[in-house]
Amino acid sequence: MYHTGKAAQGPIWPDLTLGLALAAAISLGLWPHHQALEVLGAALLAHLVLSALVLAGWRGELPNFGWANRVTLLRGAMITALAGMALAPLFRQASLGETLWPLSLLALIALLLDGVDGWIARRTRSLTRFGARFDMELDAFLMLLLCIALITHDKAGAWVLALGGMRYAFLMAGKRWTWLQAPLPDSLRRKTICVVQVGALILSCTPLTPPTLATPLLAVALILLSGSFLRDIHWLYRQAR
């Protein structure tokens, strides 16, 4: 059951500040070069944007930020650190192989942590709509960053952005056709395809996967994702009718 009522709020800016520090530490710890100000700057900028969105979406459903949301924020620090690594080739800071290994490792850890926050929220009876949305949007951002990394590291063409951008296109379409904004029921199919999609992106990012193998792997993930979205859109359309 979701908490829906307002609670006496404690400030959440200490949590967000700690998240910013973690993003900086992760970025500096995994990056192999001393002169990496652009990479660090991209990570910090991404986390500042994330913090602003968290502040805008926070509704005080809990007395404080909560441990489940803190785990999600830890994932957020990892994912925003990926922003600098994804753009690293544009800064000419390192060879492609040097970038892809830490990027793939960090993305894998962020994926493995997915679900831990939900488990904590259930155990502590602190499920909130904000927490569910926070977790979902981080997953979408992770996919988008991995797609950008594949392009900047010459592992895939611009078409791969369809994998990371489909959710954002769906949200934009909802501004025009409001029936697309209706809530969807929980779906094991949707969650499974999401994991498969992220897994395919991470595997394609590793230096062990050549572009000739990454392309069909990503194409299969795109077909599965497109089918899942079409099925959800059809369900929403039927409900609207």
Protein backbone atom coordinates (compact mmCIF):
# COMPACT_ATOMS: atom_id res chain seq x y z
CA MET A 1 0.00 0.00 0.00
CA TYR A 2 1.26 3.45 -0.92
CA HIS A 3 1.58 6.24 1.62
CA THR A 4 -0.55 9.06 0.26
CA GLY A 5 -0.96 11.50 3.12
CA LYS A 6 1.38 14.34 3.96
CA ALA A 7 3.80 13.66 6.77
CA ALA A 8 5.81 16.02 8.93
CA GLN A 9 8.76 16.46 6.61
CA GLY A 10 12.42 16.58 7.43
CA PRO A 11 14.72 18.28 4.91
CA ILE A 12 15.91 16.10 2.04
CA TRP A 13 18.74 18.37 0.88
CA PRO A 14 21.33 16.54 3.08
CA ASP A 15 20.51 13.32 1.19
CA LEU A 16 20.79 15.08 -2.16
CA THR A 17 24.09 16.68 -1.14
CA LEU A 18 25.46 13.29 -0.14
CA GLY A 19 24.30 11.91 -3.49
CA LEU A 20 26.21 14.66 -5.29
CA ALA A 21 29.35 13.83 -3.32
CA LEU A 22 28.93 10.13 -4.16
CA ALA A 23 28.55 10.91 -7.86
CA ALA A 24 31.80 12.90 -7.75
CA ALA A 25 33.63 10.18 -5.81
CA ILE A 26 32.46 7.43 -8.18
CA SER A 27 33.39 9.45 -11.24
CA LEU A 28 36.88 10.24 -9.93
CA GLY A 29 37.42 6.73 -8.55
CA LEU A 30 36.67 4.94 -11.80
CA TRP A 31 38.21 7.40 -14.21
CA PRO A 32 41.82 6.48 -15.10
CA HIS A 33 43.07 9.99 -15.93
CA HIS A 34 44.04 12.92 -13.79
CA GLN A 35 42.82 15.58 -16.21
CA ALA A 36 39.16 14.70 -16.32
CA LEU A 37 37.41 17.93 -15.38
CA GLU A 38 34.98 17.66 -18.30
CA VAL A 39 33.99 14.13 -17.32
CA LEU A 40 33.52 15.11 -13.68
CA GLY A 41 31.65 18.25 -14.69
CA ALA A 42 29.20 16.27 -16.84
CA ALA A 43 28.54 13.86 -13.96
CA LEU A 44 27.95 16.68 -11.47
CA LEU A 45 25.71 18.56 -13.87
CA ALA A 46 23.63 15.43 -14.46
CA HIS A 47 23.28 14.91 -10.70
CA LEU A 48 22.30 18.53 -10.11
CA VAL A 49 19.53 18.14 -12.69
CA LEU A 50 18.48 14.91 -10.97
CA SER A 51 18.41 16.68 -7.59
CA ALA A 52 16.27 19.48 -9.01
CA LEU A 53 13.79 16.95 -10.39
CA VAL A 54 13.70 15.10 -7.05
CA LEU A 55 12.97 18.34 -5.21
CA ALA A 56 10.23 19.18 -7.70
CA GLY A 57 8.63 15.74 -7.38
CA TRP A 58 8.97 15.26 -3.62
CA ARG A 59 5.57 15.35 -1.93
CA GLY A 60 6.50 14.55 1.65
CA GLU A 61 4.76 11.18 1.73
CA LEU A 62 7.29 10.09 4.39
CA PRO A 63 8.67 11.92 7.45
CA ASN A 64 12.11 11.86 5.80
CA PHE A 65 13.65 10.71 2.54
CA GLY A 66 13.58 7.07 3.67
CA TRP A 67 16.08 4.26 3.25
CA ALA A 68 14.44 2.91 0.10
CA ASN A 69 14.76 6.28 -1.61
CA ARG A 70 18.34 6.55 -0.36
CA VAL A 71 19.21 3.29 -2.12
CA THR A 72 17.57 4.67 -5.25
CA LEU A 73 19.63 7.83 -4.81
CA LEU A 74 22.77 5.68 -4.60
CA ARG A 75 21.81 4.20 -7.95
CA GLY A 76 21.24 7.76 -9.13
CA ALA A 77 24.80 8.70 -8.15
CA MET A 78 26.12 5.76 -10.16
CA ILE A 79 23.97 6.56 -13.17
CA THR A 80 24.84 10.26 -13.22
CA ALA A 81 28.53 9.31 -12.98
CA LEU A 82 27.91 7.39 -16.20
CA ALA A 83 26.96 10.63 -17.91
CA GLY A 84 30.58 11.81 -17.92
CA MET A 85 31.87 8.42 -19.06
CA ALA A 86 29.32 8.23 -21.86
CA LEU A 87 30.53 11.57 -23.19
CA ALA A 88 34.23 10.91 -22.51
CA PRO A 89 35.20 10.27 -26.16
CA LEU A 90 33.96 13.75 -27.03
CA PHE A 91 36.47 15.13 -24.51
CA ARG A 92 39.29 12.93 -25.91
CA GLN A 93 40.28 11.88 -22.42
CA ALA A 94 40.97 8.19 -23.03
CA SER A 95 40.89 5.33 -25.48
CA LEU A 96 37.55 3.63 -26.02
CA GLY A 97 38.57 0.47 -24.16
CA GLU A 98 39.65 2.42 -21.07
CA THR A 99 36.25 4.07 -20.90
CA LEU A 100 34.02 1.11 -21.66
CA TRP A 101 35.21 -1.21 -18.88
CA PRO A 102 34.43 1.13 -15.95
CA LEU A 103 31.25 2.27 -17.69
CA SER A 104 29.99 -1.31 -18.15
CA LEU A 105 30.92 -2.27 -14.59
CA LEU A 106 29.15 0.71 -13.08
CA ALA A 107 26.04 0.13 -15.18
CA LEU A 108 25.98 -3.54 -14.13
CA ILE A 109 26.14 -2.63 -10.43
CA ALA A 110 23.34 -0.10 -10.91
CA LEU A 111 21.27 -2.81 -12.59
CA LEU A 112 21.92 -5.35 -9.82
CA LEU A 113 20.80 -2.82 -7.21
CA ASP A 114 17.51 -2.33 -9.04
CA GLY A 115 14.81 -3.94 -6.93
CA VAL A 116 16.71 -3.57 -3.65
CA ASP A 117 15.00 -0.25 -3.01
CA GLY A 118 11.58 -1.80 -3.60
CA TRP A 119 12.39 -4.67 -1.24
CA ILE A 120 13.45 -2.20 1.46
CA ALA A 121 10.30 -0.13 0.92
CA ARG A 122 8.12 -3.22 1.36
CA ARG A 123 9.99 -4.37 4.45
CA THR A 124 9.77 -0.92 6.06
CA ARG A 125 6.21 -0.31 4.83
CA SER A 126 7.31 2.88 3.12
CA LEU A 127 6.08 2.34 -0.44
CA THR A 128 5.31 5.69 -2.06
CA ARG A 129 4.27 6.84 -5.52
CA PHE A 130 7.29 9.13 -5.54
CA GLY A 131 9.64 6.21 -4.85
CA ALA A 132 8.13 4.11 -7.63
CA ARG A 133 8.40 7.00 -10.11
CA PHE A 134 11.93 7.85 -8.96
CA ASP A 135 13.08 4.28 -9.58
CA MET A 136 11.36 4.05 -12.97
CA GLU A 137 12.76 7.33 -14.28
CA LEU A 138 16.29 6.36 -13.22
CA ASP A 139 15.97 3.14 -15.21
CA ALA A 140 14.91 5.14 -18.26
CA PHE A 141 17.81 7.57 -17.83
CA LEU A 142 20.28 4.68 -17.49
CA MET A 143 19.08 3.22 -20.78
CA LEU A 144 19.39 6.58 -22.53
CA LEU A 145 22.95 7.09 -21.26
CA LEU A 146 23.97 3.60 -22.37
CA CYS A 147 22.59 4.32 -25.84
CA ILE A 148 24.59 7.56 -25.97
CA ALA A 149 27.70 5.66 -24.85
CA LEU A 150 27.25 3.14 -27.65
CA ILE A 151 27.12 5.96 -30.19
CA THR A 152 30.05 7.98 -28.84
CA HIS A 153 32.18 4.84 -28.59
CA ASP A 154 31.36 3.78 -32.17
CA LYS A 155 29.58 0.61 -31.07
CA ALA A 156 26.22 1.40 -32.71
CA GLY A 157 24.55 3.95 -34.94
CA ALA A 158 22.14 6.68 -33.97
CA TRP A 159 19.23 4.25 -34.46
CA VAL A 160 20.01 2.78 -31.02
CA LEU A 161 18.56 5.95 -29.47
CA ALA A 162 15.16 4.40 -30.19
CA LEU A 163 15.88 2.01 -27.32
CA GLY A 164 16.65 4.74 -24.82
CA GLY A 165 14.24 7.33 -26.14
CA MET A 166 11.05 5.30 -26.54
CA ARG A 167 9.78 6.03 -23.04
CA TYR A 168 10.40 9.75 -23.48
CA ALA A 169 8.58 9.67 -26.82
CA PHE A 170 5.70 7.90 -25.05
CA LEU A 171 5.57 10.63 -22.38
CA MET A 172 5.60 13.38 -25.02
CA ALA A 173 2.80 11.64 -26.92
CA GLY A 174 0.81 11.64 -23.68
CA LYS A 175 0.80 15.44 -23.77
CA ARG A 176 -1.11 15.24 -27.05
CA TRP A 177 -3.25 12.17 -26.37
CA THR A 178 -4.10 12.33 -22.69
CA TRP A 179 -5.48 8.77 -22.58
CA LEU A 180 -1.85 7.61 -22.76
CA GLN A 181 -1.33 9.11 -19.28
CA ALA A 182 -3.67 6.61 -17.62
CA PRO A 183 -1.94 4.27 -15.13
CA LEU A 184 -0.90 0.85 -16.38
CA PRO A 185 -1.30 -2.32 -14.27
CA ASP A 186 1.81 -4.03 -12.96
CA SER A 187 3.27 -6.34 -15.57
CA LEU A 188 5.91 -9.03 -15.25
CA ARG A 189 6.30 -8.89 -19.02
CA ARG A 190 7.16 -5.19 -18.90
CA LYS A 191 9.67 -5.65 -16.06
CA THR A 192 11.32 -8.62 -17.77
CA ILE A 193 11.75 -6.78 -21.06
CA CYS A 194 13.21 -3.81 -19.18
CA VAL A 195 15.86 -6.05 -17.59
CA VAL A 196 16.58 -7.70 -20.95
CA GLN A 197 16.91 -4.28 -22.56
CA VAL A 198 19.37 -2.96 -19.97
CA GLY A 199 21.29 -6.23 -20.04
CA ALA A 200 21.62 -6.05 -23.83
CA LEU A 201 22.83 -2.45 -23.61
CA ILE A 202 25.43 -3.26 -20.95
CA LEU A 203 26.68 -6.33 -22.80
CA SER A 204 26.95 -4.31 -26.00
CA CYS A 205 28.97 -1.65 -24.15
CA THR A 206 31.71 -4.05 -23.03
CA PRO A 207 34.89 -4.13 -25.14
CA LEU A 208 34.35 -7.89 -25.52
CA THR A 209 31.30 -7.32 -27.75
CA PRO A 210 32.20 -6.15 -31.27
CA PRO A 211 29.75 -3.93 -33.18
CA THR A 212 28.91 -6.84 -35.49
CA LEU A 213 27.52 -8.74 -32.48
CA ALA A 214 26.10 -5.70 -30.67
CA THR A 215 23.91 -4.72 -33.62
CA PRO A 216 21.73 -7.88 -33.76
CA LEU A 217 21.61 -8.03 -29.96
CA LEU A 218 20.32 -4.47 -29.75
CA ALA A 219 17.94 -5.04 -32.65
CA VAL A 220 16.29 -7.94 -30.80
CA ALA A 221 15.99 -5.77 -27.66
CA LEU A 222 14.40 -2.99 -29.74
CA ILE A 223 11.87 -5.40 -31.26
CA LEU A 224 10.89 -6.70 -27.81
CA LEU A 225 10.60 -3.19 -26.39
CA SER A 226 8.54 -1.95 -29.35
CA GLY A 227 6.16 -4.88 -28.97
CA SER A 228 5.78 -4.19 -25.25
CA PHE A 229 4.99 -0.51 -25.84
CA LEU A 230 2.50 -1.34 -28.60
CA ARG A 231 0.73 -3.80 -26.31
CA ASP A 232 0.48 -1.19 -23.53
CA ILE A 233 -0.75 1.48 -25.96
CA HIS A 234 -3.41 -0.91 -27.27
CA TRP A 235 -4.54 -1.66 -23.70
CA LEU A 236 -4.74 2.05 -22.86
CA TYR A 237 -6.68 2.75 -26.04
CA ARG A 238 -9.21 0.05 -25.21
CA GLN A 239 -9.63 1.43 -21.70
CA ALA A 240 -10.15 4.92 -23.09
CA ARG A 241 -12.82 3.67 -25.48
